Amino acid sequence: MKIYGLKTCDTCRKAIKVLPQAEFVDVRKDGVPDDVMAQAQAIFGDTLTNTRSTTWRALDDTARQQPQATLLAAHPALMKRPLIVSGDRMYLGWDAATRDALGVGA
């Protein structure tokens, strides 16, 4: 299992605490492999981009119109977090549905 996120993200820290066996990948430092990103985009579509973030609000309209893959590669903090890859399944965020699907508590 891998958790893609930011080491400074509180939500990612919660997931790491509950899933200590998972490998953590800091998207700012290491990025997300192209194949993982392509699969996440196919599954989650536009919800993969966090449009409520301060990073998003700081972008001009031209930057916001870039393809999602280009935008997330240039600004990894824009990815909704955490992105959890467990076998052939992917989960986005750390809500009750994700925790239930992974069979873990809060």
PDB file of N, CA and C in Angstrom:
ATOM      1  N   MET A   1       0.850  -1.179   0.000  1.00  0.00           N
ATOM      2  CA  MET A   1       0.000   0.000   0.000  1.00  0.00           C
ATOM      3  C   MET A   1       0.892   1.238   0.000  1.00  0.00           C
ATOM      4  N   LYS A   2       0.484   2.239  -0.783  1.00  0.00           N
ATOM      5  CA  LYS A   2       1.214   3.513  -0.839  1.00  0.00           C
ATOM      6  C   LYS A   2       0.237   4.649  -0.582  1.00  0.00           C
ATOM      7  N   ILE A   3       0.740   5.641   0.140  1.00  0.00           N
ATOM      8  CA  ILE A   3      -0.023   6.864   0.383  1.00  0.00           C
ATOM      9  C   ILE A   3       0.733   7.995  -0.289  1.00  0.00           C
ATOM     10  N   TYR A   4       0.084   8.644  -1.265  1.00  0.00           N
ATOM     11  CA  TYR A   4       0.672   9.802  -1.934  1.00  0.00           C
ATOM     12  C   TYR A   4       0.070  11.044  -1.296  1.00  0.00           C
ATOM     13  N   GLY A   5       0.928  11.946  -0.830  1.00  0.00           N
ATOM     14  CA  GLY A   5       0.437  13.158  -0.194  1.00  0.00           C
ATOM     15  C   GLY A   5       1.576  14.099   0.142  1.00  0.00           C
ATOM     16  N   LEU A   6       1.312  14.972   1.095  1.00  0.00           N
ATOM     17  CA  LEU A   6       2.311  15.927   1.564  1.00  0.00           C
ATOM     18  C   LEU A   6       2.594  15.648   3.030  1.00  0.00           C
ATOM     19  N   LYS A   7       3.879  15.685   3.397  1.00  0.00           N
ATOM     20  CA  LYS A   7       4.225  15.385   4.779  1.00  0.00           C
ATOM     21  C   LYS A   7       3.687  16.438   5.744  1.00  0.00           C
ATOM     22  N   THR A   8       3.360  17.617   5.241  1.00  0.00           N
ATOM     23  CA  THR A   8       2.829  18.682   6.099  1.00  0.00           C
ATOM     24  C   THR A   8       1.304  18.699   6.150  1.00  0.00           C
ATOM     25  N   CYS A   9       0.657  17.800   5.439  1.00  0.00           N
ATOM     26  CA  CYS A   9      -0.801  17.762   5.361  1.00  0.00           C
ATOM     27  C   CYS A   9      -1.370  16.998   6.560  1.00  0.00           C
ATOM     28  N   ASP A  10      -2.245  17.643   7.319  1.00  0.00           N
ATOM     29  CA  ASP A  10      -2.838  17.004   8.492  1.00  0.00           C
ATOM     30  C   ASP A  10      -3.637  15.760   8.129  1.00  0.00           C
ATOM     31  N   THR A  11      -4.361  15.811   7.035  1.00  0.00           N
ATOM     32  CA  THR A  11      -5.161  14.665   6.612  1.00  0.00           C
ATOM     33  C   THR A  11      -4.252  13.489   6.257  1.00  0.00           C
ATOM     34  N   CYS A  12      -3.153  13.765   5.587  1.00  0.00           N
ATOM     35  CA  CYS A  12      -2.198  12.705   5.252  1.00  0.00           C
ATOM     36  C   CYS A  12      -1.586  12.111   6.520  1.00  0.00           C
ATOM     37  N   ARG A  13      -1.290  12.947   7.478  1.00  0.00           N
ATOM     38  CA  ARG A  13      -0.736  12.466   8.750  1.00  0.00           C
ATOM     39  C   ARG A  13      -1.704  11.522   9.448  1.00  0.00           C
ATOM     40  N   LYS A  14      -2.992  11.830   9.397  1.00  0.00           N
ATOM     41  CA  LYS A  14      -4.001  10.947  10.002  1.00  0.00           C
ATOM     42  C   LYS A  14      -3.992   9.584   9.322  1.00  0.00           C
ATOM     43  N   ALA A  15      -3.923   9.591   7.989  1.00  0.00           N
ATOM     44  CA  ALA A  15      -3.911   8.334   7.243  1.00  0.00           C
ATOM     45  C   ALA A  15      -2.656   7.526   7.561  1.00  0.00           C
ATOM     46  N   ILE A  16      -1.524   8.186   7.637  1.00  0.00           N
ATOM     47  CA  ILE A  16      -0.257   7.505   7.937  1.00  0.00           C
ATOM     48  C   ILE A  16      -0.303   6.886   9.330  1.00  0.00           C
ATOM     49  N   LYS A  17      -0.889   7.592  10.262  1.00  0.00           N
ATOM     50  CA  LYS A  17      -0.985   7.096  11.645  1.00  0.00           C
ATOM     51  C   LYS A  17      -1.816   5.814  11.711  1.00  0.00           C
ATOM     52  N   VAL A  18      -2.907   5.776  10.956  1.00  0.00           N
ATOM     53  CA  VAL A  18      -3.795   4.617  10.964  1.00  0.00           C
ATOM     54  C   VAL A  18      -3.259   3.488  10.077  1.00  0.00           C
ATOM     55  N   LEU A  19      -2.459   3.835   9.084  1.00  0.00           N
ATOM     56  CA  LEU A  19      -1.906   2.846   8.146  1.00  0.00           C
ATOM     57  C   LEU A  19      -0.374   2.839   8.202  1.00  0.00           C
ATOM     58  N   PRO A  20       0.201   2.500   9.360  1.00  0.00           N
ATOM     59  CA  PRO A  20       1.662   2.593   9.504  1.00  0.00           C
ATOM     60  C   PRO A  20       2.444   1.659   8.577  1.00  0.00           C
ATOM     61  N   GLN A  21       1.808   0.606   8.084  1.00  0.00           N
ATOM     62  CA  GLN A  21       2.483  -0.329   7.189  1.00  0.00           C
ATOM     63  C   GLN A  21       2.614   0.229   5.775  1.00  0.00           C
ATOM     64  N   ALA A  22       1.863   1.272   5.469  1.00  0.00           N
ATOM     65  CA  ALA A  22       1.874   1.846   4.121  1.00  0.00           C
ATOM     66  C   ALA A  22       3.148   2.663   3.886  1.00  0.00           C
ATOM     67  N   GLU A  23       3.597   2.647   2.653  1.00  0.00           N
ATOM     68  CA  GLU A  23       4.744   3.470   2.246  1.00  0.00           C
ATOM     69  C   GLU A  23       4.220   4.867   1.915  1.00  0.00           C
ATOM     70  N   PHE A  24       4.839   5.895   2.490  1.00  0.00           N
ATOM     71  CA  PHE A  24       4.419   7.267   2.215  1.00  0.00           C
ATOM     72  C   PHE A  24       5.293   7.857   1.122  1.00  0.00           C
ATOM     73  N   VAL A  25       4.659   8.512   0.148  1.00  0.00           N
ATOM     74  CA  VAL A  25       5.369   9.177  -0.940  1.00  0.00           C
ATOM     75  C   VAL A  25       4.985  10.649  -0.912  1.00  0.00           C
ATOM     76  N   ASP A  26       5.964  11.512  -0.665  1.00  0.00           N
ATOM     77  CA  ASP A  26       5.720  12.952  -0.646  1.00  0.00           C
ATOM     78  C   ASP A  26       5.680  13.450  -2.088  1.00  0.00           C
ATOM     79  N   VAL A  27       4.527  13.947  -2.514  1.00  0.00           N
ATOM     80  CA  VAL A  27       4.363  14.322  -3.916  1.00  0.00           C
ATOM     81  C   VAL A  27       5.182  15.542  -4.302  1.00  0.00           C
ATOM     82  N   ARG A  28       5.515  16.392  -3.337  1.00  0.00           N
ATOM     83  CA  ARG A  28       6.378  17.544  -3.667  1.00  0.00           C
ATOM     84  C   ARG A  28       7.798  17.090  -3.939  1.00  0.00           C
ATOM     85  N   LYS A  29       8.262  16.155  -3.145  1.00  0.00           N
ATOM     86  CA  LYS A  29       9.648  15.694  -3.247  1.00  0.00           C
ATOM     87  C   LYS A  29       9.820  14.653  -4.345  1.00  0.00           C
ATOM     88  N   ASP A  30       8.935  13.655  -4.366  1.00  0.00           N
ATOM     89  CA  ASP A  30       9.116  12.509  -5.243  1.00  0.00           C
ATOM     90  C   ASP A  30       8.155  12.453  -6.428  1.00  0.00           C
ATOM     91  N   GLY A  31       7.078  13.226  -6.372  1.00  0.00           N
ATOM     92  CA  GLY A  31       6.091  13.202  -7.446  1.00  0.00           C
ATOM     93  C   GLY A  31       5.250  11.934  -7.415  1.00  0.00           C
ATOM     94  N   VAL A  32       4.373  11.830  -8.373  1.00  0.00           N
ATOM     95  CA  VAL A  32       3.518  10.652  -8.540  1.00  0.00           C
ATOM     96  C   VAL A  32       3.896  10.034  -9.878  1.00  0.00           C
ATOM     97  N   PRO A  33       4.189   8.728  -9.903  1.00  0.00           N
ATOM     98  CA  PRO A  33       4.542   8.096 -11.179  1.00  0.00           C
ATOM     99  C   PRO A  33       3.447   8.342 -12.230  1.00  0.00           C
ATOM    100  N   ASP A  34       3.873   8.498 -13.469  1.00  0.00           N
ATOM    101  CA  ASP A  34       2.937   8.810 -14.558  1.00  0.00           C
ATOM    102  C   ASP A  34       1.796   7.803 -14.669  1.00  0.00           C
ATOM    103  N   ASP A  35       2.107   6.513 -14.505  1.00  0.00           N
ATOM    104  CA  ASP A  35       1.060   5.503 -14.639  1.00  0.00           C
ATOM    105  C   ASP A  35       0.040   5.595 -13.504  1.00  0.00           C
ATOM    106  N   VAL A  36       0.508   5.904 -12.298  1.00  0.00           N
ATOM    107  CA  VAL A  36      -0.393   6.066 -11.156  1.00  0.00           C
ATOM    108  C   VAL A  36      -1.260   7.301 -11.359  1.00  0.00           C
ATOM    109  N   MET A  37      -0.656   8.386 -11.809  1.00  0.00           N
ATOM    110  CA  MET A  37      -1.406   9.628 -12.042  1.00  0.00           C
ATOM    111  C   MET A  37      -2.451   9.427 -13.140  1.00  0.00           C
ATOM    112  N   ALA A  38      -2.081   8.744 -14.208  1.00  0.00           N
ATOM    113  CA  ALA A  38      -3.029   8.503 -15.301  1.00  0.00           C
ATOM    114  C   ALA A  38      -4.211   7.668 -14.814  1.00  0.00           C
ATOM    115  N   GLN A  39      -3.936   6.651 -14.020  1.00  0.00           N
ATOM    116  CA  GLN A  39      -5.017   5.821 -13.484  1.00  0.00           C
ATOM    117  C   GLN A  39      -5.903   6.633 -12.539  1.00  0.00           C
ATOM    118  N   ALA A  40      -5.285   7.463 -11.684  1.00  0.00           N
ATOM    119  CA  ALA A  40      -6.056   8.302 -10.761  1.00  0.00           C
ATOM    120  C   ALA A  40      -6.935   9.284 -11.527  1.00  0.00           C
ATOM    121  N   GLN A  41      -6.408   9.863 -12.592  1.00  0.00           N
ATOM    122  CA  GLN A  41      -7.202  10.789 -13.401  1.00  0.00           C
ATOM    123  C   GLN A  41      -8.382  10.069 -14.047  1.00  0.00           C
ATOM    124  N   ALA A  42      -8.143   8.846 -14.510  1.00  0.00           N
ATOM    125  CA  ALA A  42      -9.222   8.080 -15.145  1.00  0.00           C
ATOM    126  C   ALA A  42     -10.313   7.737 -14.126  1.00  0.00           C
ATOM    127  N   ILE A  43      -9.927   7.446 -12.900  1.00  0.00           N
ATOM    128  CA  ILE A  43     -10.899   7.060 -11.872  1.00  0.00           C
ATOM    129  C   ILE A  43     -11.607   8.269 -11.265  1.00  0.00           C
ATOM    130  N   PHE A  44     -10.827   9.288 -10.894  1.00  0.00           N
ATOM    131  CA  PHE A  44     -11.377  10.400 -10.115  1.00  0.00           C
ATOM    132  C   PHE A  44     -11.694  11.655 -10.917  1.00  0.00           C
ATOM    133  N   GLY A  45     -11.163  11.758 -12.126  1.00  0.00           N
ATOM    134  CA  GLY A  45     -11.452  12.907 -12.978  1.00  0.00           C
ATOM    135  C   GLY A  45     -11.091  14.234 -12.323  1.00  0.00           C
ATOM    136  N   ASP A  46     -11.988  15.201 -12.461  1.00  0.00           N
ATOM    137  CA  ASP A  46     -11.729  16.550 -11.949  1.00  0.00           C
ATOM    138  C   ASP A  46     -11.606  16.612 -10.429  1.00  0.00           C
ATOM    139  N   THR A  47     -12.158  15.625  -9.716  1.00  0.00           N
ATOM    140  CA  THR A  47     -12.078  15.667  -8.254  1.00  0.00           C
ATOM    141  C   THR A  47     -10.653  15.453  -7.753  1.00  0.00           C
ATOM    142  N   LEU A  48      -9.747  15.039  -8.623  1.00  0.00           N
ATOM    143  CA  LEU A  48      -8.352  14.863  -8.240  1.00  0.00           C
ATOM    144  C   LEU A  48      -7.680  16.207  -7.951  1.00  0.00           C
ATOM    145  N   THR A  49      -8.211  17.272  -8.531  1.00  0.00           N
ATOM    146  CA  THR A  49      -7.659  18.611  -8.315  1.00  0.00           C
ATOM    147  C   THR A  49      -8.438  19.310  -7.204  1.00  0.00           C
ATOM    148  N   ASN A  50      -7.721  19.775  -6.194  1.00  0.00           N
ATOM    149  CA  ASN A  50      -8.337  20.471  -5.068  1.00  0.00           C
ATOM    150  C   ASN A  50      -8.507  21.946  -5.436  1.00  0.00           C
ATOM    151  N   THR A  51      -9.696  22.308  -5.859  1.00  0.00           N
ATOM    152  CA  THR A  51      -9.958  23.685  -6.287  1.00  0.00           C
ATOM    153  C   THR A  51     -10.312  24.597  -5.116  1.00  0.00           C
ATOM    154  N   ARG A  52     -10.246  24.086  -3.897  1.00  0.00           N
ATOM    155  CA  ARG A  52     -10.488  24.928  -2.717  1.00  0.00           C
ATOM    156  C   ARG A  52      -9.185  25.334  -2.037  1.00  0.00           C
ATOM    157  N   SER A  53      -8.064  24.896  -2.573  1.00  0.00           N
ATOM    158  CA  SER A  53      -6.773  25.163  -1.938  1.00  0.00           C
ATOM    159  C   SER A  53      -6.286  26.583  -2.200  1.00  0.00           C
ATOM    160  N   THR A  54      -5.384  27.031  -1.353  1.00  0.00           N
ATOM    161  CA  THR A  54      -4.786  28.354  -1.540  1.00  0.00           C
ATOM    162  C   THR A  54      -3.926  28.371  -2.806  1.00  0.00           C
ATOM    163  N   THR A  55      -3.334  27.234  -3.135  1.00  0.00           N
ATOM    164  CA  THR A  55      -2.536  27.150  -4.364  1.00  0.00           C
ATOM    165  C   THR A  55      -3.422  27.410  -5.579  1.00  0.00           C
ATOM    166  N   TRP A  56      -4.606  26.805  -5.617  1.00  0.00           N
ATOM    167  CA  TRP A  56      -5.542  26.999  -6.722  1.00  0.00           C
ATOM    168  C   TRP A  56      -5.960  28.459  -6.817  1.00  0.00           C
ATOM    169  N   ARG A  57      -6.298  29.051  -5.684  1.00  0.00           N
ATOM    170  CA  ARG A  57      -6.751  30.452  -5.694  1.00  0.00           C
ATOM    171  C   ARG A  57      -5.659  31.411  -6.148  1.00  0.00           C
ATOM    172  N   ALA A  58      -4.402  31.011  -5.984  1.00  0.00           N
ATOM    173  CA  ALA A  58      -3.292  31.867  -6.395  1.00  0.00           C
ATOM    174  C   ALA A  58      -3.004  31.779  -7.896  1.00  0.00           C
ATOM    175  N   LEU A  59      -3.553  30.776  -8.562  1.00  0.00           N
ATOM    176  CA  LEU A  59      -3.311  30.611 -10.003  1.00  0.00           C
ATOM    177  C   LEU A  59      -4.176  31.561 -10.819  1.00  0.00           C
ATOM    178  N   ASP A  60      -3.613  32.043 -11.935  1.00  0.00           N
ATOM    179  CA  ASP A  60      -4.423  32.867 -12.832  1.00  0.00           C
ATOM    180  C   ASP A  60      -5.245  31.952 -13.747  1.00  0.00           C
ATOM    181  N   ASP A  61      -6.163  32.547 -14.489  1.00  0.00           N
ATOM    182  CA  ASP A  61      -7.057  31.760 -15.342  1.00  0.00           C
ATOM    183  C   ASP A  61      -6.306  30.956 -16.396  1.00  0.00           C
ATOM    184  N   THR A  62      -5.216  31.501 -16.905  1.00  0.00           N
ATOM    185  CA  THR A  62      -4.430  30.795 -17.910  1.00  0.00           C
ATOM    186  C   THR A  62      -3.856  29.508 -17.324  1.00  0.00           C
ATOM    187  N   ALA A  63      -3.303  29.583 -16.131  1.00  0.00           N
ATOM    188  CA  ALA A  63      -2.733  28.401 -15.479  1.00  0.00           C
ATOM    189  C   ALA A  63      -3.815  27.375 -15.179  1.00  0.00           C
ATOM    190  N   ARG A  64      -4.969  27.835 -14.781  1.00  0.00           N
ATOM    191  CA  ARG A  64      -6.074  26.916 -14.447  1.00  0.00           C
ATOM    192  C   ARG A  64      -6.589  26.155 -15.665  1.00  0.00           C
ATOM    193  N   GLN A  65      -6.359  26.688 -16.859  1.00  0.00           N
ATOM    194  CA  GLN A  65      -6.845  26.053 -18.085  1.00  0.00           C
ATOM    195  C   GLN A  65      -5.909  24.963 -18.607  1.00  0.00           C
ATOM    196  N   GLN A  66      -4.754  24.798 -17.977  1.00  0.00           N
ATOM    197  CA  GLN A  66      -3.808  23.771 -18.412  1.00  0.00           C
ATOM    198  C   GLN A  66      -4.412  22.385 -18.196  1.00  0.00           C
ATOM    199  N   PRO A  67      -3.938  21.393 -18.948  1.00  0.00           N
ATOM    200  CA  PRO A  67      -4.393  20.021 -18.706  1.00  0.00           C
ATOM    201  C   PRO A  67      -4.093  19.613 -17.264  1.00  0.00           C
ATOM    202  N   GLN A  68      -4.968  18.813 -16.698  1.00  0.00           N
ATOM    203  CA  GLN A  68      -4.838  18.434 -15.295  1.00  0.00           C
ATOM    204  C   GLN A  68      -3.470  17.816 -14.988  1.00  0.00           C
ATOM    205  N   ALA A  69      -2.972  16.942 -15.835  1.00  0.00           N
ATOM    206  CA  ALA A  69      -1.680  16.292 -15.594  1.00  0.00           C
ATOM    207  C   ALA A  69      -0.552  17.323 -15.523  1.00  0.00           C
ATOM    208  N   THR A  70      -0.575  18.295 -16.416  1.00  0.00           N
ATOM    209  CA  THR A  70       0.437  19.347 -16.428  1.00  0.00           C
ATOM    210  C   THR A  70       0.338  20.200 -15.174  1.00  0.00           C
ATOM    211  N   LEU A  71      -0.867  20.557 -14.808  1.00  0.00           N
ATOM    212  CA  LEU A  71      -1.112  21.387 -13.634  1.00  0.00           C
ATOM    213  C   LEU A  71      -0.651  20.695 -12.354  1.00  0.00           C
ATOM    214  N   LEU A  72      -0.996  19.418 -12.202  1.00  0.00           N
ATOM    215  CA  LEU A  72      -0.612  18.689 -10.996  1.00  0.00           C
ATOM    216  C   LEU A  72       0.882  18.400 -10.948  1.00  0.00           C
ATOM    217  N   ALA A  73       1.520  18.242 -12.098  1.00  0.00           N
ATOM    218  CA  ALA A  73       2.966  18.045 -12.124  1.00  0.00           C
ATOM    219  C   ALA A  73       3.686  19.324 -11.695  1.00  0.00           C
ATOM    220  N   ALA A  74       3.158  20.468 -12.126  1.00  0.00           N
ATOM    221  CA  ALA A  74       3.776  21.753 -11.777  1.00  0.00           C
ATOM    222  C   ALA A  74       3.451  22.191 -10.355  1.00  0.00           C
ATOM    223  N   HIS A  75       2.286  21.802  -9.872  1.00  0.00           N
ATOM    224  CA  HIS A  75       1.821  22.217  -8.536  1.00  0.00           C
ATOM    225  C   HIS A  75       1.274  20.996  -7.790  1.00  0.00           C
ATOM    226  N   PRO A  76       2.157  20.147  -7.238  1.00  0.00           N
ATOM    227  CA  PRO A  76       1.706  18.919  -6.582  1.00  0.00           C
ATOM    228  C   PRO A  76       0.741  19.153  -5.413  1.00  0.00           C
ATOM    229  N   ALA A  77       0.817  20.310  -4.782  1.00  0.00           N
ATOM    230  CA  ALA A  77      -0.075  20.603  -3.656  1.00  0.00           C
ATOM    231  C   ALA A  77      -1.533  20.731  -4.098  1.00  0.00           C
ATOM    232  N   LEU A  78      -1.771  20.824  -5.403  1.00  0.00           N
ATOM    233  CA  LEU A  78      -3.140  20.911  -5.908  1.00  0.00           C
ATOM    234  C   LEU A  78      -3.877  19.576  -5.889  1.00  0.00           C
ATOM    235  N   MET A  79      -3.146  18.483  -5.737  1.00  0.00           N
ATOM    236  CA  MET A  79      -3.795  17.174  -5.725  1.00  0.00           C
ATOM    237  C   MET A  79      -4.559  16.985  -4.423  1.00  0.00           C
ATOM    238  N   LYS A  80      -5.790  16.536  -4.543  1.00  0.00           N
ATOM    239  CA  LYS A  80      -6.542  16.212  -3.337  1.00  0.00           C
ATOM    240  C   LYS A  80      -5.801  15.074  -2.648  1.00  0.00           C
ATOM    241  N   ARG A  81      -5.771  15.127  -1.313  1.00  0.00           N
ATOM    242  CA  ARG A  81      -4.945  14.179  -0.583  1.00  0.00           C
ATOM    243  C   ARG A  81      -5.732  13.512   0.537  1.00  0.00           C
ATOM    244  N   PRO A  82      -5.234  12.356   0.929  1.00  0.00           N
ATOM    245  CA  PRO A  82      -4.210  11.536   0.291  1.00  0.00           C
ATOM    246  C   PRO A  82      -4.785  10.704  -0.852  1.00  0.00           C
ATOM    247  N   LEU A  83      -3.905  10.309  -1.742  1.00  0.00           N
ATOM    248  CA  LEU A  83      -4.231   9.331  -2.770  1.00  0.00           C
ATOM    249  C   LEU A  83      -3.636   8.022  -2.267  1.00  0.00           C
ATOM    250  N   ILE A  84      -4.494   7.037  -2.016  1.00  0.00           N
ATOM    251  CA  ILE A  84      -4.046   5.767  -1.455  1.00  0.00           C
ATOM    252  C   ILE A  84      -4.195   4.692  -2.510  1.00  0.00           C
ATOM    253  N   VAL A  85      -3.099   3.967  -2.745  1.00  0.00           N
ATOM    254  CA  VAL A  85      -3.095   2.875  -3.703  1.00  0.00           C
ATOM    255  C   VAL A  85      -2.887   1.583  -2.922  1.00  0.00           C
ATOM    256  N   SER A  86      -3.883   0.714  -3.004  1.00  0.00           N
ATOM    257  CA  SER A  86      -3.832  -0.571  -2.305  1.00  0.00           C
ATOM    258  C   SER A  86      -4.130  -1.667  -3.311  1.00  0.00           C
ATOM    259  N   GLY A  87      -3.077  -2.344  -3.753  1.00  0.00           N
ATOM    260  CA  GLY A  87      -3.242  -3.353  -4.800  1.00  0.00           C
ATOM    261  C   GLY A  87      -3.706  -2.695  -6.077  1.00  0.00           C
ATOM    262  N   ASP A  88      -4.845  -3.141  -6.604  1.00  0.00           N
ATOM    263  CA  ASP A  88      -5.374  -2.539  -7.829  1.00  0.00           C
ATOM    264  C   ASP A  88      -6.479  -1.532  -7.550  1.00  0.00           C
ATOM    265  N   ARG A  89      -6.661  -1.152  -6.292  1.00  0.00           N
ATOM    266  CA  ARG A  89      -7.683  -0.183  -5.889  1.00  0.00           C
ATOM    267  C   ARG A  89      -7.039   1.158  -5.531  1.00  0.00           C
ATOM    268  N   MET A  90      -7.794   2.234  -5.775  1.00  0.00           N
ATOM    269  CA  MET A  90      -7.352   3.584  -5.417  1.00  0.00           C
ATOM    270  C   MET A  90      -8.441   4.270  -4.615  1.00  0.00           C
ATOM    271  N   TYR A  91      -7.991   5.070  -3.658  1.00  0.00           N
ATOM    272  CA  TYR A  91      -8.903   5.837  -2.811  1.00  0.00           C
ATOM    273  C   TYR A  91      -8.393   7.268  -2.762  1.00  0.00           C
ATOM    274  N   LEU A  92      -9.312   8.216  -2.752  1.00  0.00           N
ATOM    275  CA  LEU A  92      -8.935   9.623  -2.716  1.00  0.00           C
ATOM    276  C   LEU A  92      -9.577  10.274  -1.503  1.00  0.00           C
ATOM    277  N   GLY A  93      -8.740  10.884  -0.681  1.00  0.00           N
ATOM    278  CA  GLY A  93      -9.237  11.520   0.528  1.00  0.00           C
ATOM    279  C   GLY A  93      -9.211  10.557   1.702  1.00  0.00           C
ATOM    280  N   TRP A  94      -9.554  11.077   2.871  1.00  0.00           N
ATOM    281  CA  TRP A  94      -9.531  10.275   4.094  1.00  0.00           C
ATOM    282  C   TRP A  94     -10.868  10.424   4.803  1.00  0.00           C
ATOM    283  N   ASP A  95     -11.927  10.091   4.083  1.00  0.00           N
ATOM    284  CA  ASP A  95     -13.261  10.193   4.660  1.00  0.00           C
ATOM    285  C   ASP A  95     -13.707   8.831   5.184  1.00  0.00           C
ATOM    286  N   ALA A  96     -14.906   8.790   5.740  1.00  0.00           N
ATOM    287  CA  ALA A  96     -15.422   7.552   6.325  1.00  0.00           C
ATOM    288  C   ALA A  96     -15.514   6.433   5.295  1.00  0.00           C
ATOM    289  N   ALA A  97     -15.874   6.761   4.061  1.00  0.00           N
ATOM    290  CA  ALA A  97     -15.998   5.738   3.015  1.00  0.00           C
ATOM    291  C   ALA A  97     -14.636   5.097   2.726  1.00  0.00           C
ATOM    292  N   THR A  98     -13.587   5.902   2.675  1.00  0.00           N
ATOM    293  CA  THR A  98     -12.242   5.370   2.442  1.00  0.00           C
ATOM    294  C   THR A  98     -11.803   4.492   3.600  1.00  0.00           C
ATOM    295  N   ARG A  99     -11.997   4.977   4.814  1.00  0.00           N
ATOM    296  CA  ARG A  99     -11.612   4.197   6.003  1.00  0.00           C
ATOM    297  C   ARG A  99     -12.377   2.883   6.053  1.00  0.00           C
ATOM    298  N   ASP A 100     -13.671   2.916   5.755  1.00  0.00           N
ATOM    299  CA  ASP A 100     -14.470   1.696   5.743  1.00  0.00           C
ATOM    300  C   ASP A 100     -13.979   0.719   4.676  1.00  0.00           C
ATOM    301  N   ALA A 101     -13.683   1.227   3.489  1.00  0.00           N
ATOM    302  CA  ALA A 101     -13.216   0.378   2.396  1.00  0.00           C
ATOM    303  C   ALA A 101     -11.889  -0.288   2.742  1.00  0.00           C
ATOM    304  N   LEU A 102     -11.056   0.419   3.513  1.00  0.00           N
ATOM    305  CA  LEU A 102      -9.764  -0.121   3.922  1.00  0.00           C
ATOM    306  C   LEU A 102      -9.863  -0.954   5.198  1.00  0.00           C
ATOM    307  N   GLY A 103     -11.031  -0.936   5.819  1.00  0.00           N
ATOM    308  CA  GLY A 103     -11.242  -1.726   7.027  1.00  0.00           C
ATOM    309  C   GLY A 103     -10.535  -1.191   8.251  1.00  0.00           C
ATOM    310  N   VAL A 104     -10.435   0.145   8.330  1.00  0.00           N
ATOM    311  CA  VAL A 104      -9.765   0.761   9.483  1.00  0.00           C
ATOM    312  C   VAL A 104     -10.705   1.763  10.156  1.00  0.00           C
ATOM    313  N   GLY A 105     -10.401   2.103  11.384  1.00  0.00           N
ATOM    314  CA  GLY A 105     -11.198   3.095  12.109  1.00  0.00           C
ATOM    315  C   GLY A 105     -10.777   4.503  11.787  1.00  0.00           C
ATOM    316  N   ALA A 106     -11.115   5.424  12.675  1.00  0.00           N
ATOM    317  CA  ALA A 106     -10.838   6.842  12.486  1.00  0.00           C
ATOM    318  C   ALA A 106      -9.384   7.066  12.237  1.00  0.00           C
TER     319      ALA A 106
END
